[in-house]
Amino acid sequence: MKFNASTEIDATPDKAWALVSNFEEWPQWIPQLKKVAKVSDGPIGVGSQLLIVARFIITVKLLMTITKFVPGQIVVMEGKVLGTRMTRYYSLEPVGQRAKLDAGGNVSGPLSFMVRHGGQKLSETIAQALKERIETLIRSGADA
C-alpha cells in the first residue's frame, strides 16, 4: 500500500536538500516526530540507521536503514513498525527555479492499512513543514 505527499518549494533542490537531509533536526519543527537520531557510525548515507520516535494515537519507534542516498536528490529508508514492513522516501527534483518535494513510501504486512494511514498523514505533515521551514529560512537570508 503506497502513500505520498508532494509540494513545490520556493528554493532550488540544492538549498532544500540541506534541510531535507538533516533528519535529526526534524523534531524541532514537526510535532509528530519526538526524536530522530542517527544510531550508526560514519556520515549519513547508504547503510546509516536512524531511530525514529513518532507520536500519533500511539507512540511508535522505528529503526530505519538508508538503502539509497543520492545527495541533493533522494533518500530511501526501510524498516518495520508494528510488524509491518515500511519503505519511506524523500526526493527533490527541479521545477524551474523551484524544488518539487515528494515524501512517501510503501507498507506491507498485517497492519499495513493502519500504518499506511499514519504514513500518509506524516508524509503530508513533513512535506508542508519542510516547505514552510525552507522558505522561512530563505526569506530570512539564512542558508537552508
C-alpha atoms as a PDB file:
ATOM      1  CA  MET A   1       0.000   0.000   0.000  1.00  0.00           C
ATOM      2  CA  LYS A   2       1.531   3.252  -1.161  1.00  0.00           C
ATOM      3  CA  PHE A   3       1.326   6.752   0.288  1.00  0.00           C
ATOM      4  CA  ASN A   4       2.694  10.074  -0.955  1.00  0.00           C
ATOM      5  CA  ALA A   5       2.575  13.824  -0.448  1.00  0.00           C
ATOM      6  CA  SER A   6       4.117  16.389  -2.784  1.00  0.00           C
ATOM      7  CA  THR A   7       4.726  20.098  -2.660  1.00  0.00           C
ATOM      8  CA  GLU A   8       6.711  22.704  -4.530  1.00  0.00           C
ATOM      9  CA  ILE A   9       9.204  24.717  -2.514  1.00  0.00           C
ATOM     10  CA  ASP A  10      10.348  28.210  -3.422  1.00  0.00           C
ATOM     11  CA  ALA A  11      14.015  27.165  -3.343  1.00  0.00           C
ATOM     12  CA  THR A  12      16.397  25.219  -5.524  1.00  0.00           C
ATOM     13  CA  PRO A  13      16.802  21.498  -4.753  1.00  0.00           C
ATOM     14  CA  ASP A  14      20.363  22.180  -3.539  1.00  0.00           C
ATOM     15  CA  LYS A  15      19.157  24.695  -0.950  1.00  0.00           C
ATOM     16  CA  ALA A  16      16.264  22.459   0.102  1.00  0.00           C
ATOM     17  CA  TRP A  17      18.480  19.365   0.414  1.00  0.00           C
ATOM     18  CA  ALA A  18      20.425  20.798   3.353  1.00  0.00           C
ATOM     19  CA  LEU A  19      17.270  20.724   5.477  1.00  0.00           C
ATOM     20  CA  VAL A  20      15.729  17.593   3.985  1.00  0.00           C
ATOM     21  CA  SER A  21      18.831  15.525   4.756  1.00  0.00           C
ATOM     22  CA  ASN A  22      19.291  16.865   8.303  1.00  0.00           C
ATOM     23  CA  PHE A  23      16.863  14.378   9.867  1.00  0.00           C
ATOM     24  CA  GLU A  24      17.937  14.904  13.464  1.00  0.00           C
ATOM     25  CA  GLU A  25      16.579  18.472  13.365  1.00  0.00           C
ATOM     26  CA  TRP A  26      13.140  17.460  12.043  1.00  0.00           C
ATOM     27  CA  PRO A  27      11.553  17.052  15.516  1.00  0.00           C
ATOM     28  CA  GLN A  28      12.198  20.763  16.158  1.00  0.00           C
ATOM     29  CA  TRP A  29       9.504  21.698  13.636  1.00  0.00           C
ATOM     30  CA  ILE A  30       7.496  18.524  13.009  1.00  0.00           C
ATOM     31  CA  PRO A  31       5.373  17.954  16.147  1.00  0.00           C
ATOM     32  CA  GLN A  32       4.592  14.266  15.473  1.00  0.00           C
ATOM     33  CA  LEU A  33       8.302  13.418  15.474  1.00  0.00           C
ATOM     34  CA  LYS A  34       9.543  13.175  19.030  1.00  0.00           C
ATOM     35  CA  LYS A  35      13.053  12.018  18.168  1.00  0.00           C
ATOM     36  CA  VAL A  36      15.213  11.246  15.152  1.00  0.00           C
ATOM     37  CA  ALA A  37      18.712  10.016  15.986  1.00  0.00           C
ATOM     38  CA  LYS A  38      21.413   8.547  13.797  1.00  0.00           C
ATOM     39  CA  VAL A  39      22.486   5.372  15.610  1.00  0.00           C
ATOM     40  CA  SER A  40      25.205   4.176  13.230  1.00  0.00           C
ATOM     41  CA  ASP A  41      28.769   5.391  12.790  1.00  0.00           C
ATOM     42  CA  GLY A  42      30.062   7.499   9.934  1.00  0.00           C
ATOM     43  CA  PRO A  43      28.436  10.105   7.721  1.00  0.00           C
ATOM     44  CA  ILE A  44      24.824   9.755   6.624  1.00  0.00           C
ATOM     45  CA  GLY A  45      24.497   7.523   3.579  1.00  0.00           C
ATOM     46  CA  VAL A  46      23.599   4.011   2.452  1.00  0.00           C
ATOM     47  CA  GLY A  47      23.668   1.721   5.469  1.00  0.00           C
ATOM     48  CA  SER A  48      23.097   4.510   8.009  1.00  0.00           C
ATOM     49  CA  GLN A  49      20.493   3.701  10.630  1.00  0.00           C
ATOM     50  CA  LEU A  50      18.040   6.168  12.131  1.00  0.00           C
ATOM     51  CA  LEU A  51      15.955   5.644  15.250  1.00  0.00           C
ATOM     52  CA  ILE A  52      12.684   7.494  14.781  1.00  0.00           C
ATOM     53  CA  VAL A  53      10.144   8.015  17.551  1.00  0.00           C
ATOM     54  CA  ALA A  54       6.791   9.291  16.283  1.00  0.00           C
ATOM     55  CA  ARG A  55       3.557  10.006  18.110  1.00  0.00           C
ATOM     56  CA  PHE A  56       0.102   9.751  16.612  1.00  0.00           C
ATOM     57  CA  ILE A  57      -2.570   7.872  18.508  1.00  0.00           C
ATOM     58  CA  ILE A  58       0.251   5.784  19.960  1.00  0.00           C
ATOM     59  CA  THR A  59       3.995   6.284  20.162  1.00  0.00           C
ATOM     60  CA  VAL A  60       5.964   4.129  17.730  1.00  0.00           C
ATOM     61  CA  LYS A  61       9.687   3.512  17.437  1.00  0.00           C
ATOM     62  CA  LEU A  62      11.173   2.698  14.063  1.00  0.00           C
ATOM     63  CA  LEU A  63      14.698   1.643  13.234  1.00  0.00           C
ATOM     64  CA  MET A  64      15.146   2.677   9.615  1.00  0.00           C
ATOM     65  CA  THR A  65      18.120   1.774   7.410  1.00  0.00           C
ATOM     66  CA  ILE A  66      19.006   4.014   4.479  1.00  0.00           C
ATOM     67  CA  THR A  67      19.059   1.890   1.322  1.00  0.00           C
ATOM     68  CA  LYS A  68      19.516   4.644  -1.278  1.00  0.00           C
ATOM     69  CA  PHE A  69      21.157   8.027  -0.833  1.00  0.00           C
ATOM     70  CA  VAL A  70      21.862  10.416  -3.688  1.00  0.00           C
ATOM     71  CA  PRO A  71      22.785  13.835  -2.230  1.00  0.00           C
ATOM     72  CA  GLY A  72      20.526  16.593  -3.492  1.00  0.00           C
ATOM     73  CA  GLN A  73      18.063  14.112  -4.986  1.00  0.00           C
ATOM     74  CA  ILE A  74      16.740  11.215  -2.909  1.00  0.00           C
ATOM     75  CA  VAL A  75      16.952   9.242   0.291  1.00  0.00           C
ATOM     76  CA  VAL A  76      15.168   5.907   0.718  1.00  0.00           C
ATOM     77  CA  MET A  77      14.957   4.039   4.016  1.00  0.00           C
ATOM     78  CA  GLU A  78      13.465   0.754   5.129  1.00  0.00           C
ATOM     79  CA  GLY A  79      12.370  -0.710   8.441  1.00  0.00           C
ATOM     80  CA  LYS A  80       9.484  -2.260  10.356  1.00  0.00           C
ATOM     81  CA  VAL A  81       6.770  -0.765  12.504  1.00  0.00           C
ATOM     82  CA  LEU A  82       4.076  -2.756  14.293  1.00  0.00           C
ATOM     83  CA  GLY A  83       5.187  -5.861  12.365  1.00  0.00           C
ATOM     84  CA  THR A  84       4.678  -4.051   9.069  1.00  0.00           C
ATOM     85  CA  ARG A  85       7.486  -3.563   6.568  1.00  0.00           C
ATOM     86  CA  MET A  86       7.845   0.107   5.623  1.00  0.00           C
ATOM     87  CA  THR A  87       9.800   1.916   2.950  1.00  0.00           C
ATOM     88  CA  ARG A  88       9.951   5.730   3.122  1.00  0.00           C
ATOM     89  CA  TYR A  89      11.472   8.127   0.618  1.00  0.00           C
ATOM     90  CA  TYR A  90      12.144  11.824   0.283  1.00  0.00           C
ATOM     91  CA  SER A  91      13.061  13.144  -3.145  1.00  0.00           C
ATOM     92  CA  LEU A  92      13.742  16.544  -4.642  1.00  0.00           C
ATOM     93  CA  GLU A  93      13.677  17.483  -8.292  1.00  0.00           C
ATOM     94  CA  PRO A  94      13.956  20.842 -10.042  1.00  0.00           C
ATOM     95  CA  VAL A  95      10.847  22.516 -11.430  1.00  0.00           C
ATOM     96  CA  GLY A  96      12.157  25.708 -12.986  1.00  0.00           C
ATOM     97  CA  GLN A  97      13.779  27.663 -10.127  1.00  0.00           C
ATOM     98  CA  ARG A  98      11.836  25.697  -7.522  1.00  0.00           C
ATOM     99  CA  ALA A  99      12.102  22.248  -5.984  1.00  0.00           C
ATOM    100  CA  LYS A 100       9.418  19.591  -6.011  1.00  0.00           C
ATOM    101  CA  LEU A 101       9.484  17.544  -2.820  1.00  0.00           C
ATOM    102  CA  ASP A 102       7.942  14.081  -2.723  1.00  0.00           C
ATOM    103  CA  ALA A 103       7.580  12.432   0.678  1.00  0.00           C
ATOM    104  CA  GLY A 104       6.083   8.989   0.660  1.00  0.00           C
ATOM    105  CA  GLY A 105       6.527   5.297   0.913  1.00  0.00           C
ATOM    106  CA  ASN A 106       5.058   1.848   0.840  1.00  0.00           C
ATOM    107  CA  VAL A 107       3.914  -0.596   3.534  1.00  0.00           C
ATOM    108  CA  SER A 108       3.144  -4.294   3.550  1.00  0.00           C
ATOM    109  CA  GLY A 109       2.157  -6.672   6.292  1.00  0.00           C
ATOM    110  CA  PRO A 110      -0.614  -7.449   8.766  1.00  0.00           C
ATOM    111  CA  LEU A 111      -1.326  -3.887   9.942  1.00  0.00           C
ATOM    112  CA  SER A 112      -0.462  -2.158   6.677  1.00  0.00           C
ATOM    113  CA  PHE A 113      -3.792  -0.321   6.404  1.00  0.00           C
ATOM    114  CA  MET A 114      -3.280   1.360   9.770  1.00  0.00           C
ATOM    115  CA  VAL A 115       0.427   2.024   9.180  1.00  0.00           C
ATOM    116  CA  ARG A 116      -0.319   3.402   5.696  1.00  0.00           C
ATOM    117  CA  HIS A 117      -2.799   5.883   7.187  1.00  0.00           C
ATOM    118  CA  GLY A 118      -0.178   7.117   9.676  1.00  0.00           C
ATOM    119  CA  GLY A 119       2.478   7.184   6.945  1.00  0.00           C
ATOM    120  CA  GLN A 120       0.238   9.288   4.709  1.00  0.00           C
ATOM    121  CA  LYS A 121      -0.542  11.773   7.474  1.00  0.00           C
ATOM    122  CA  LEU A 122       3.124  12.045   8.427  1.00  0.00           C
ATOM    123  CA  SER A 123       4.159  12.496   4.772  1.00  0.00           C
ATOM    124  CA  GLU A 124       1.674  15.365   4.397  1.00  0.00           C
ATOM    125  CA  THR A 125       2.935  16.971   7.610  1.00  0.00           C
ATOM    126  CA  ILE A 126       6.599  16.543   6.647  1.00  0.00           C
ATOM    127  CA  ALA A 127       6.069  17.965   3.141  1.00  0.00           C
ATOM    128  CA  GLN A 128       4.276  21.044   4.477  1.00  0.00           C
ATOM    129  CA  ALA A 129       6.698  21.551   7.385  1.00  0.00           C
ATOM    130  CA  LEU A 130       9.759  21.266   5.127  1.00  0.00           C
ATOM    131  CA  LYS A 131       8.251  23.740   2.669  1.00  0.00           C
ATOM    132  CA  GLU A 132       7.476  26.259   5.420  1.00  0.00           C
ATOM    133  CA  ARG A 133      10.844  25.849   7.159  1.00  0.00           C
ATOM    134  CA  ILE A 134      12.931  26.096   3.969  1.00  0.00           C
ATOM    135  CA  GLU A 135      11.008  29.101   2.614  1.00  0.00           C
ATOM    136  CA  THR A 136      11.230  30.859   6.004  1.00  0.00           C
ATOM    137  CA  LEU A 137      14.990  30.336   6.113  1.00  0.00           C
ATOM    138  CA  ILE A 138      15.396  31.592   2.541  1.00  0.00           C
ATOM    139  CA  ARG A 139      13.277  34.720   3.232  1.00  0.00           C
ATOM    140  CA  SER A 140      15.292  35.465   6.379  1.00  0.00           C
ATOM    141  CA  GLY A 141      18.538  35.250   4.409  1.00  0.00           C
ATOM    142  CA  ALA A 142      19.769  32.182   6.308  1.00  0.00           C
ATOM    143  CA  ASP A 143      21.037  29.188   4.357  1.00  0.00           C
ATOM    144  CA  ALA A 144      18.546  26.352   4.261  1.00  0.00           C
END
